[in-house]
Amino acid sequence: MEFNLDRDIVFFDLEATGLSIVKDRIVQIALIKYKKSGGDPIELEMLINPGVPISEEAMAVHGITPKMVSNKPTFRQVAQKIHDFIGNADLGGYNSNRFDVPMLMEEFSRVGLKFDISRRRLIDVQRIFYKMEPRTLTAAYRYYVGGKLEDAHDALADVRATVAVLKGQLDKYKGVDFEDGDGNVTQEPIKNDMQSIHEFVNEMKWVEPTQKLKKDGNGNIVFNFGKYNNQPVGESLANDMGYYNWILNMEFSQQVKEMVKDLVKEYKDKQR
């Protein structure tokens, strides 16, 4: 099956030193680009020296040791190459909305490269799977593709498996409606159209990947945590600069910090 694309899409997977978006670093990245013009997909894969220790828990999962990355380039050295490879493409992956996308954004922020996702469609294959058939990537591969997934937790093998699973999902759910726990029905959400899949797998209320900030029913950006939960960000922090400074100095993502700065400035400008 060929994807029906109106823009390029890059499927990717990261292996990291741990699970913290803010503290941990990438040790391996693999990307596969499908171009809207067609042709064979383009692959890019590399090991990266993270510059920080790799946790024992992470090594137990992906098997990448400090020795394997000791002579590899740092992210700063390969960031522009990765940035250029992705270009303006949509992004796809497995659990990518919660981990891979925000971690990649954080890495780009550290080296001064802007990576805007506001106009990209995010195709998280796990979200389709968890909504339709909750399981793991290995089980998803067995269920949608057939056979055993070899080399699980190798980044490139996982990306290839993710692409195969999405194609299997497109076949399996062609013409199938989705009914949520409240009885709301979405007609044929899984079809060969990236916009439709994006809308199905992403809750549109979130305004940044770590889900610390969201939109309320009126479209206002509000907190999704803490003492100002569900309160407008700009107004709350403009009236509590201590909390504002606390956010800027704690381990929130760069995207949250930049958005907080903009919202406070926007609120203060309106009060003048």
C-alpha atoms as a PDB file:
ATOM      1  CA  MET A   1       0.000   0.000   0.000  1.00  0.00           C
ATOM      2  CA  GLU A   2       1.172   3.503  -0.831  1.00  0.00           C
ATOM      3  CA  PHE A   3       0.364   6.374   1.535  1.00  0.00           C
ATOM      4  CA  ASN A   4      -1.954   9.044   0.160  1.00  0.00           C
ATOM      5  CA  LEU A   5       0.106  12.146   0.943  1.00  0.00           C
ATOM      6  CA  ASP A   6      -0.404  15.835   0.323  1.00  0.00           C
ATOM      7  CA  ARG A   7       2.903  16.646   2.037  1.00  0.00           C
ATOM      8  CA  ASP A   8       6.030  14.745   3.055  1.00  0.00           C
ATOM      9  CA  ILE A   9       5.933  12.686   6.239  1.00  0.00           C
ATOM     10  CA  VAL A  10       8.870  11.510   8.376  1.00  0.00           C
ATOM     11  CA  PHE A  11       8.449   8.516  10.655  1.00  0.00           C
ATOM     12  CA  PHE A  12      11.098   8.432  13.377  1.00  0.00           C
ATOM     13  CA  ASP A  13      12.160   6.778  16.607  1.00  0.00           C
ATOM     14  CA  LEU A  14      14.554   7.781  19.380  1.00  0.00           C
ATOM     15  CA  GLU A  15      16.531   5.789  21.911  1.00  0.00           C
ATOM     16  CA  ALA A  16      17.669   7.848  24.885  1.00  0.00           C
ATOM     17  CA  THR A  17      19.629   7.886  28.134  1.00  0.00           C
ATOM     18  CA  GLY A  18      16.358   7.684  30.077  1.00  0.00           C
ATOM     19  CA  LEU A  19      12.712   8.711  30.035  1.00  0.00           C
ATOM     20  CA  SER A  20      12.922  12.364  31.141  1.00  0.00           C
ATOM     21  CA  ILE A  21      12.184  14.797  28.302  1.00  0.00           C
ATOM     22  CA  VAL A  22      14.142  17.514  30.090  1.00  0.00           C
ATOM     23  CA  LYS A  23      17.076  15.666  31.704  1.00  0.00           C
ATOM     24  CA  ASP A  24      17.818  12.854  29.280  1.00  0.00           C
ATOM     25  CA  ARG A  25      19.433  12.932  25.847  1.00  0.00           C
ATOM     26  CA  ILE A  26      19.194  11.074  22.546  1.00  0.00           C
ATOM     27  CA  VAL A  27      21.647   8.218  21.893  1.00  0.00           C
ATOM     28  CA  GLN A  28      20.154   6.939  18.619  1.00  0.00           C
ATOM     29  CA  ILE A  29      17.792   8.379  16.044  1.00  0.00           C
ATOM     30  CA  ALA A  30      16.321   6.776  12.954  1.00  0.00           C
ATOM     31  CA  LEU A  31      14.098   8.490  10.404  1.00  0.00           C
ATOM     32  CA  ILE A  32      12.280   7.360   7.264  1.00  0.00           C
ATOM     33  CA  LYS A  33      10.923  10.020   4.914  1.00  0.00           C
ATOM     34  CA  TYR A  34       8.029   9.405   2.530  1.00  0.00           C
ATOM     35  CA  LYS A  35       7.726  12.151  -0.071  1.00  0.00           C
ATOM     36  CA  LYS A  36       4.392  13.327  -1.393  1.00  0.00           C
ATOM     37  CA  SER A  37       5.862  13.078  -4.891  1.00  0.00           C
ATOM     38  CA  GLY A  38       6.306   9.347  -4.417  1.00  0.00           C
ATOM     39  CA  GLY A  39       9.379   7.217  -4.935  1.00  0.00           C
ATOM     40  CA  ASP A  40      11.297   5.045  -2.513  1.00  0.00           C
ATOM     41  CA  PRO A  41      11.397   6.166   1.134  1.00  0.00           C
ATOM     42  CA  ILE A  42      14.633   7.759   2.344  1.00  0.00           C
ATOM     43  CA  GLU A  43      16.268   6.466   5.541  1.00  0.00           C
ATOM     44  CA  LEU A  44      18.602   8.230   7.968  1.00  0.00           C
ATOM     45  CA  GLU A  45      19.990   6.573  11.097  1.00  0.00           C
ATOM     46  CA  MET A  46      22.774   7.493  13.500  1.00  0.00           C
ATOM     47  CA  LEU A  47      24.165   6.908  16.976  1.00  0.00           C
ATOM     48  CA  ILE A  48      24.741  10.063  19.015  1.00  0.00           C
ATOM     49  CA  ASN A  49      27.078  10.802  21.916  1.00  0.00           C
ATOM     50  CA  PRO A  50      24.678  12.151  24.557  1.00  0.00           C
ATOM     51  CA  GLY A  51      27.292  13.824  26.722  1.00  0.00           C
ATOM     52  CA  VAL A  52      25.555  12.487  29.855  1.00  0.00           C
ATOM     53  CA  PRO A  53      25.453   9.026  31.471  1.00  0.00           C
ATOM     54  CA  ILE A  54      23.142   6.379  30.032  1.00  0.00           C
ATOM     55  CA  SER A  55      20.949   4.894  32.747  1.00  0.00           C
ATOM     56  CA  GLU A  56      21.168   1.174  33.484  1.00  0.00           C
ATOM     57  CA  GLU A  57      17.415   0.913  32.853  1.00  0.00           C
ATOM     58  CA  ALA A  58      17.768   2.469  29.402  1.00  0.00           C
ATOM     59  CA  MET A  59      20.707   0.246  28.464  1.00  0.00           C
ATOM     60  CA  ALA A  60      18.687  -2.803  29.500  1.00  0.00           C
ATOM     61  CA  VAL A  61      16.017  -1.772  26.960  1.00  0.00           C
ATOM     62  CA  HIS A  62      17.996  -0.633  23.907  1.00  0.00           C
ATOM     63  CA  GLY A  63      21.426  -2.178  24.534  1.00  0.00           C
ATOM     64  CA  ILE A  64      23.363   0.964  23.607  1.00  0.00           C
ATOM     65  CA  THR A  65      26.390   1.355  25.891  1.00  0.00           C
ATOM     66  CA  PRO A  66      28.640   4.368  26.573  1.00  0.00           C
ATOM     67  CA  LYS A  67      31.437   2.665  24.616  1.00  0.00           C
ATOM     68  CA  MET A  68      29.210   2.392  21.518  1.00  0.00           C
ATOM     69  CA  VAL A  69      28.623   6.164  21.429  1.00  0.00           C
ATOM     70  CA  SER A  70      31.904   7.461  22.858  1.00  0.00           C
ATOM     71  CA  ASN A  71      33.318   8.369  19.422  1.00  0.00           C
ATOM     72  CA  LYS A  72      30.005   9.355  17.830  1.00  0.00           C
ATOM     73  CA  PRO A  73      28.985  12.959  17.072  1.00  0.00           C
ATOM     74  CA  THR A  74      27.063  15.008  19.612  1.00  0.00           C
ATOM     75  CA  PHE A  75      23.547  16.171  18.846  1.00  0.00           C
ATOM     76  CA  ARG A  76      24.864  19.681  18.237  1.00  0.00           C
ATOM     77  CA  GLN A  77      27.079  18.321  15.475  1.00  0.00           C
ATOM     78  CA  VAL A  78      24.230  16.511  13.660  1.00  0.00           C
ATOM     79  CA  ALA A  79      21.282  18.734  14.565  1.00  0.00           C
ATOM     80  CA  GLN A  80      21.258  20.708  11.315  1.00  0.00           C
ATOM     81  CA  LYS A  81      21.417  17.524   9.243  1.00  0.00           C
ATOM     82  CA  ILE A  82      18.420  16.072  11.105  1.00  0.00           C
ATOM     83  CA  HIS A  83      16.551  19.386  10.922  1.00  0.00           C
ATOM     84  CA  ASP A  84      17.122  19.628   7.161  1.00  0.00           C
ATOM     85  CA  PHE A  85      16.136  15.988   6.614  1.00  0.00           C
ATOM     86  CA  ILE A  86      12.776  16.556   8.310  1.00  0.00           C
ATOM     87  CA  GLY A  87      12.163  19.906   6.645  1.00  0.00           C
ATOM     88  CA  ASN A  88       8.473  20.846   6.716  1.00  0.00           C
ATOM     89  CA  ALA A  89       7.259  17.253   6.827  1.00  0.00           C
ATOM     90  CA  ASP A  90       4.562  15.828   9.061  1.00  0.00           C
ATOM     91  CA  LEU A  91       5.815  13.527  11.819  1.00  0.00           C
ATOM     92  CA  GLY A  92       4.942   9.925  12.579  1.00  0.00           C
ATOM     93  CA  GLY A  93       6.075   7.398  15.134  1.00  0.00           C
ATOM     94  CA  TYR A  94       5.069   5.030  17.908  1.00  0.00           C
ATOM     95  CA  ASN A  95       4.312   6.847  21.188  1.00  0.00           C
ATOM     96  CA  SER A  96       5.907   9.796  19.416  1.00  0.00           C
ATOM     97  CA  ASN A  97       3.486  12.445  20.706  1.00  0.00           C
ATOM     98  CA  ARG A  98       4.385  11.762  24.339  1.00  0.00           C
ATOM     99  CA  PHE A  99       8.114  11.006  24.000  1.00  0.00           C
ATOM    100  CA  ASP A 100       9.925  11.274  20.675  1.00  0.00           C
ATOM    101  CA  VAL A 101       8.474  14.597  19.455  1.00  0.00           C
ATOM    102  CA  PRO A 102       8.948  16.564  22.712  1.00  0.00           C
ATOM    103  CA  MET A 103      12.429  15.093  23.285  1.00  0.00           C
ATOM    104  CA  LEU A 104      13.519  16.009  19.757  1.00  0.00           C
ATOM    105  CA  MET A 105      12.082  19.522  20.209  1.00  0.00           C
ATOM    106  CA  GLU A 106      13.998  19.879  23.476  1.00  0.00           C
ATOM    107  CA  GLU A 107      17.252  18.786  21.833  1.00  0.00           C
ATOM    108  CA  PHE A 108      16.756  21.276  18.992  1.00  0.00           C
ATOM    109  CA  SER A 109      16.022  24.036  21.527  1.00  0.00           C
ATOM    110  CA  ARG A 110      19.296  23.386  23.335  1.00  0.00           C
ATOM    111  CA  VAL A 111      21.311  24.026  20.180  1.00  0.00           C
ATOM    112  CA  GLY A 112      19.291  27.063  19.114  1.00  0.00           C
ATOM    113  CA  LEU A 113      17.294  25.492  16.271  1.00  0.00           C
ATOM    114  CA  LYS A 114      13.610  26.319  16.080  1.00  0.00           C
ATOM    115  CA  PHE A 115      11.404  23.298  15.431  1.00  0.00           C
ATOM    116  CA  ASP A 116       7.763  24.332  15.150  1.00  0.00           C
ATOM    117  CA  ILE A 117       5.134  21.574  15.243  1.00  0.00           C
ATOM    118  CA  SER A 118       2.085  23.845  15.175  1.00  0.00           C
ATOM    119  CA  ARG A 119       1.596  23.322  11.426  1.00  0.00           C
ATOM    120  CA  ARG A 120       2.676  19.702  11.295  1.00  0.00           C
ATOM    121  CA  ARG A 121       0.318  16.759  11.509  1.00  0.00           C
ATOM    122  CA  LEU A 122       1.354  14.236  14.154  1.00  0.00           C
ATOM    123  CA  ILE A 123       0.651  10.594  13.285  1.00  0.00           C
ATOM    124  CA  ASP A 124       1.145   8.608  16.482  1.00  0.00           C
ATOM    125  CA  VAL A 125       0.551   5.013  15.458  1.00  0.00           C
ATOM    126  CA  GLN A 126       0.356   3.948  19.102  1.00  0.00           C
ATOM    127  CA  ARG A 127      -2.702   6.153  19.624  1.00  0.00           C
ATOM    128  CA  ILE A 128      -4.561   4.302  16.852  1.00  0.00           C
ATOM    129  CA  PHE A 129      -3.484   0.995  18.326  1.00  0.00           C
ATOM    130  CA  TYR A 130      -4.325   1.890  21.937  1.00  0.00           C
ATOM    131  CA  LYS A 131      -7.742   3.182  20.943  1.00  0.00           C
ATOM    132  CA  MET A 132      -8.603   0.256  18.720  1.00  0.00           C
ATOM    133  CA  GLU A 133      -6.558  -2.667  20.125  1.00  0.00           C
ATOM    134  CA  PRO A 134      -4.551  -1.768  23.277  1.00  0.00           C
ATOM    135  CA  ARG A 135      -1.185  -3.613  23.122  1.00  0.00           C
ATOM    136  CA  THR A 136       2.601  -3.090  22.657  1.00  0.00           C
ATOM    137  CA  LEU A 137       4.522  -2.504  19.413  1.00  0.00           C
ATOM    138  CA  THR A 138       5.566  -6.163  19.256  1.00  0.00           C
ATOM    139  CA  ALA A 139       1.946  -7.276  19.658  1.00  0.00           C
ATOM    140  CA  ALA A 140       0.819  -4.603  17.195  1.00  0.00           C
ATOM    141  CA  TYR A 141       3.242  -5.962  14.607  1.00  0.00           C
ATOM    142  CA  ARG A 142       2.045  -9.517  15.193  1.00  0.00           C
ATOM    143  CA  TYR A 143      -1.619  -8.419  15.062  1.00  0.00           C
ATOM    144  CA  TYR A 144      -1.544  -6.102  12.035  1.00  0.00           C
ATOM    145  CA  VAL A 145       1.366  -7.450  10.029  1.00  0.00           C
ATOM    146  CA  GLY A 146       1.775 -11.067  11.082  1.00  0.00           C
ATOM    147  CA  GLY A 147       4.911 -12.820  12.249  1.00  0.00           C
ATOM    148  CA  LYS A 148       7.442 -11.871  14.908  1.00  0.00           C
ATOM    149  CA  LEU A 149       9.078  -8.453  15.222  1.00  0.00           C
ATOM    150  CA  GLU A 150      12.836  -8.956  15.125  1.00  0.00           C
ATOM    151  CA  ASP A 151      15.325  -6.577  16.794  1.00  0.00           C
ATOM    152  CA  ALA A 152      12.734  -4.768  18.914  1.00  0.00           C
ATOM    153  CA  HIS A 153      14.142  -1.573  20.517  1.00  0.00           C
ATOM    154  CA  ASP A 154      16.632  -1.027  17.735  1.00  0.00           C
ATOM    155  CA  ALA A 155      15.543   2.388  16.484  1.00  0.00           C
ATOM    156  CA  LEU A 156      15.604   1.622  12.763  1.00  0.00           C
ATOM    157  CA  ALA A 157      13.878  -1.744  13.216  1.00  0.00           C
ATOM    158  CA  ASP A 158      11.210  -0.052  15.341  1.00  0.00           C
ATOM    159  CA  VAL A 159      10.590   2.647  12.722  1.00  0.00           C
ATOM    160  CA  ARG A 160      10.230   0.047   9.980  1.00  0.00           C
ATOM    161  CA  ALA A 161       7.835  -1.898  12.201  1.00  0.00           C
ATOM    162  CA  THR A 162       5.845   1.281  12.906  1.00  0.00           C
ATOM    163  CA  VAL A 163       5.388   1.935   9.186  1.00  0.00           C
ATOM    164  CA  ALA A 164       4.313  -1.678   8.625  1.00  0.00           C
ATOM    165  CA  VAL A 165       1.811  -1.454  11.515  1.00  0.00           C
ATOM    166  CA  LEU A 166       0.246   1.750  10.149  1.00  0.00           C
ATOM    167  CA  LYS A 167      -0.228   0.151   6.744  1.00  0.00           C
ATOM    168  CA  GLY A 168      -1.835  -2.850   8.459  1.00  0.00           C
ATOM    169  CA  GLN A 169      -4.138  -0.525  10.428  1.00  0.00           C
ATOM    170  CA  LEU A 170      -5.207   1.259   7.253  1.00  0.00           C
ATOM    171  CA  ASP A 171      -6.189  -2.095   5.777  1.00  0.00           C
ATOM    172  CA  LYS A 172      -7.910  -3.441   8.896  1.00  0.00           C
ATOM    173  CA  TYR A 173      -9.952  -0.348   9.759  1.00  0.00           C
ATOM    174  CA  LYS A 174     -10.987   0.664   6.267  1.00  0.00           C
ATOM    175  CA  GLY A 175     -14.693   1.516   6.527  1.00  0.00           C
ATOM    176  CA  VAL A 176     -14.771   0.897  10.321  1.00  0.00           C
ATOM    177  CA  ASP A 177     -16.418   3.461  12.620  1.00  0.00           C
ATOM    178  CA  PHE A 178     -15.094   4.265  16.103  1.00  0.00           C
ATOM    179  CA  GLU A 179     -17.334   4.546  19.169  1.00  0.00           C
ATOM    180  CA  ASP A 180     -15.865   5.987  22.367  1.00  0.00           C
ATOM    181  CA  GLY A 181     -16.856   5.190  25.942  1.00  0.00           C
ATOM    182  CA  ASP A 182     -19.608   7.837  25.879  1.00  0.00           C
ATOM    183  CA  GLY A 183     -21.254   6.411  22.786  1.00  0.00           C
ATOM    184  CA  ASN A 184     -19.957   9.109  20.434  1.00  0.00           C
ATOM    185  CA  VAL A 185     -19.331   7.730  16.954  1.00  0.00           C
ATOM    186  CA  THR A 186     -16.608   8.870  14.552  1.00  0.00           C
ATOM    187  CA  GLN A 187     -17.228   7.617  11.050  1.00  0.00           C
ATOM    188  CA  GLU A 188     -14.288   5.853   9.396  1.00  0.00           C
ATOM    189  CA  PRO A 189     -11.507   7.762  11.201  1.00  0.00           C
ATOM    190  CA  ILE A 190      -8.711   5.433  10.046  1.00  0.00           C
ATOM    191  CA  LYS A 191      -8.286   6.029   6.346  1.00  0.00           C
ATOM    192  CA  ASN A 192      -5.436   6.778   3.995  1.00  0.00           C
ATOM    193  CA  ASP A 193      -5.485  10.486   4.786  1.00  0.00           C
ATOM    194  CA  MET A 194      -2.986  11.930   7.269  1.00  0.00           C
ATOM    195  CA  GLN A 195      -5.266  14.812   8.309  1.00  0.00           C
ATOM    196  CA  SER A 196      -8.024  12.384   9.319  1.00  0.00           C
ATOM    197  CA  ILE A 197      -5.581  10.238  11.310  1.00  0.00           C
ATOM    198  CA  HIS A 198      -4.029  13.305  12.944  1.00  0.00           C
ATOM    199  CA  GLU A 199      -7.440  14.506  14.140  1.00  0.00           C
ATOM    200  CA  PHE A 200      -8.340  11.034  15.434  1.00  0.00           C
ATOM    201  CA  VAL A 201      -5.178  10.375  17.456  1.00  0.00           C
ATOM    202  CA  ASN A 202      -4.577  13.872  18.835  1.00  0.00           C
ATOM    203  CA  GLU A 203      -6.639  15.595  21.471  1.00  0.00           C
ATOM    204  CA  MET A 204      -6.811  19.077  20.025  1.00  0.00           C
ATOM    205  CA  LYS A 205      -6.974  20.769  23.445  1.00  0.00           C
ATOM    206  CA  TRP A 206      -3.226  20.336  24.034  1.00  0.00           C
ATOM    207  CA  VAL A 207      -1.031  23.239  22.941  1.00  0.00           C
ATOM    208  CA  GLU A 208       2.377  21.672  23.672  1.00  0.00           C
ATOM    209  CA  PRO A 209       3.635  18.084  23.749  1.00  0.00           C
ATOM    210  CA  THR A 210       4.237  17.679  27.506  1.00  0.00           C
ATOM    211  CA  GLN A 211       0.562  18.542  28.173  1.00  0.00           C
ATOM    212  CA  LYS A 212       1.287  21.060  30.924  1.00  0.00           C
ATOM    213  CA  LEU A 213      -0.774  23.677  29.066  1.00  0.00           C
ATOM    214  CA  LYS A 214      -4.069  23.238  27.225  1.00  0.00           C
ATOM    215  CA  LYS A 215      -6.999  25.129  25.734  1.00  0.00           C
ATOM    216  CA  ASP A 216     -10.255  25.416  27.653  1.00  0.00           C
ATOM    217  CA  GLY A 217     -13.718  25.375  26.083  1.00  0.00           C
ATOM    218  CA  ASN A 218     -13.370  29.043  25.134  1.00  0.00           C
ATOM    219  CA  GLY A 219     -10.000  28.645  23.460  1.00  0.00           C
ATOM    220  CA  ASN A 220      -8.013  30.217  26.314  1.00  0.00           C
ATOM    221  CA  ILE A 221      -4.648  28.663  27.172  1.00  0.00           C
ATOM    222  CA  VAL A 222      -4.855  27.419  30.763  1.00  0.00           C
ATOM    223  CA  PHE A 223      -2.764  25.362  33.173  1.00  0.00           C
ATOM    224  CA  ASN A 224      -3.120  21.593  33.309  1.00  0.00           C
ATOM    225  CA  PHE A 225      -1.323  21.276  36.667  1.00  0.00           C
ATOM    226  CA  GLY A 226      -0.582  22.994  39.958  1.00  0.00           C
ATOM    227  CA  LYS A 227      -2.350  25.630  42.002  1.00  0.00           C
ATOM    228  CA  TYR A 228      -3.644  27.444  38.906  1.00  0.00           C
ATOM    229  CA  ASN A 229      -5.028  24.301  37.258  1.00  0.00           C
ATOM    230  CA  ASN A 230      -7.588  25.300  34.566  1.00  0.00           C
ATOM    231  CA  GLN A 231      -6.830  29.002  35.125  1.00  0.00           C
ATOM    232  CA  PRO A 232      -5.584  31.320  32.324  1.00  0.00           C
ATOM    233  CA  VAL A 233      -1.796  31.204  32.122  1.00  0.00           C
ATOM    234  CA  GLY A 234      -1.077  34.820  31.175  1.00  0.00           C
ATOM    235  CA  GLU A 235      -3.361  36.421  33.751  1.00  0.00           C
ATOM    236  CA  SER A 236      -2.393  34.026  36.565  1.00  0.00           C
ATOM    237  CA  LEU A 237       1.339  34.507  36.154  1.00  0.00           C
ATOM    238  CA  ALA A 238       1.184  38.241  35.504  1.00  0.00           C
ATOM    239  CA  ASN A 239      -0.328  38.484  38.989  1.00  0.00           C
ATOM    240  CA  ASP A 240       2.056  35.976  40.562  1.00  0.00           C
ATOM    241  CA  MET A 241       5.587  36.620  39.311  1.00  0.00           C
ATOM    242  CA  GLY A 242       6.995  34.299  41.957  1.00  0.00           C
ATOM    243  CA  TYR A 243       5.215  31.350  40.347  1.00  0.00           C
ATOM    244  CA  TYR A 244       6.256  32.649  36.922  1.00  0.00           C
ATOM    245  CA  ASN A 245       9.930  32.636  37.939  1.00  0.00           C
ATOM    246  CA  TRP A 246       9.522  29.207  39.544  1.00  0.00           C
ATOM    247  CA  ILE A 247       8.335  27.763  36.211  1.00  0.00           C
ATOM    248  CA  LEU A 248      11.229  29.353  34.323  1.00  0.00           C
ATOM    249  CA  ASN A 249      13.762  27.888  36.754  1.00  0.00           C
ATOM    250  CA  MET A 250      12.303  24.393  37.126  1.00  0.00           C
ATOM    251  CA  GLU A 251      12.555  21.379  34.814  1.00  0.00           C
ATOM    252  CA  PHE A 252       9.790  22.277  32.389  1.00  0.00           C
ATOM    253  CA  SER A 253      10.391  21.955  28.653  1.00  0.00           C
ATOM    254  CA  GLN A 254      11.726  24.915  26.712  1.00  0.00           C
ATOM    255  CA  GLN A 255       8.433  25.005  24.804  1.00  0.00           C
ATOM    256  CA  VAL A 256       6.463  25.507  28.049  1.00  0.00           C
ATOM    257  CA  LYS A 257       8.852  28.206  29.224  1.00  0.00           C
ATOM    258  CA  GLU A 258       8.747  30.125  25.933  1.00  0.00           C
ATOM    259  CA  MET A 259       4.962  29.865  25.754  1.00  0.00           C
ATOM    260  CA  VAL A 260       4.635  31.102  29.351  1.00  0.00           C
ATOM    261  CA  LYS A 261       6.829  34.115  28.563  1.00  0.00           C
ATOM    262  CA  ASP A 262       4.756  34.964  25.480  1.00  0.00           C
ATOM    263  CA  LEU A 263       1.421  34.604  27.293  1.00  0.00           C
ATOM    264  CA  VAL A 264       2.479  36.825  30.187  1.00  0.00           C
ATOM    265  CA  LYS A 265       3.799  39.481  27.799  1.00  0.00           C
ATOM    266  CA  GLU A 266       0.615  39.288  25.732  1.00  0.00           C
ATOM    267  CA  TYR A 267      -1.555  39.712  28.841  1.00  0.00           C
ATOM    268  CA  LYS A 268       0.478  42.676  30.143  1.00  0.00           C
ATOM    269  CA  ASP A 269       0.378  44.383  26.726  1.00  0.00           C
ATOM    270  CA  LYS A 270      -3.425  44.140  26.716  1.00  0.00           C
ATOM    271  CA  GLN A 271      -3.598  45.778  30.163  1.00  0.00           C
ATOM    272  CA  ARG A 272      -1.716  48.858  29.033  1.00  0.00           C
END
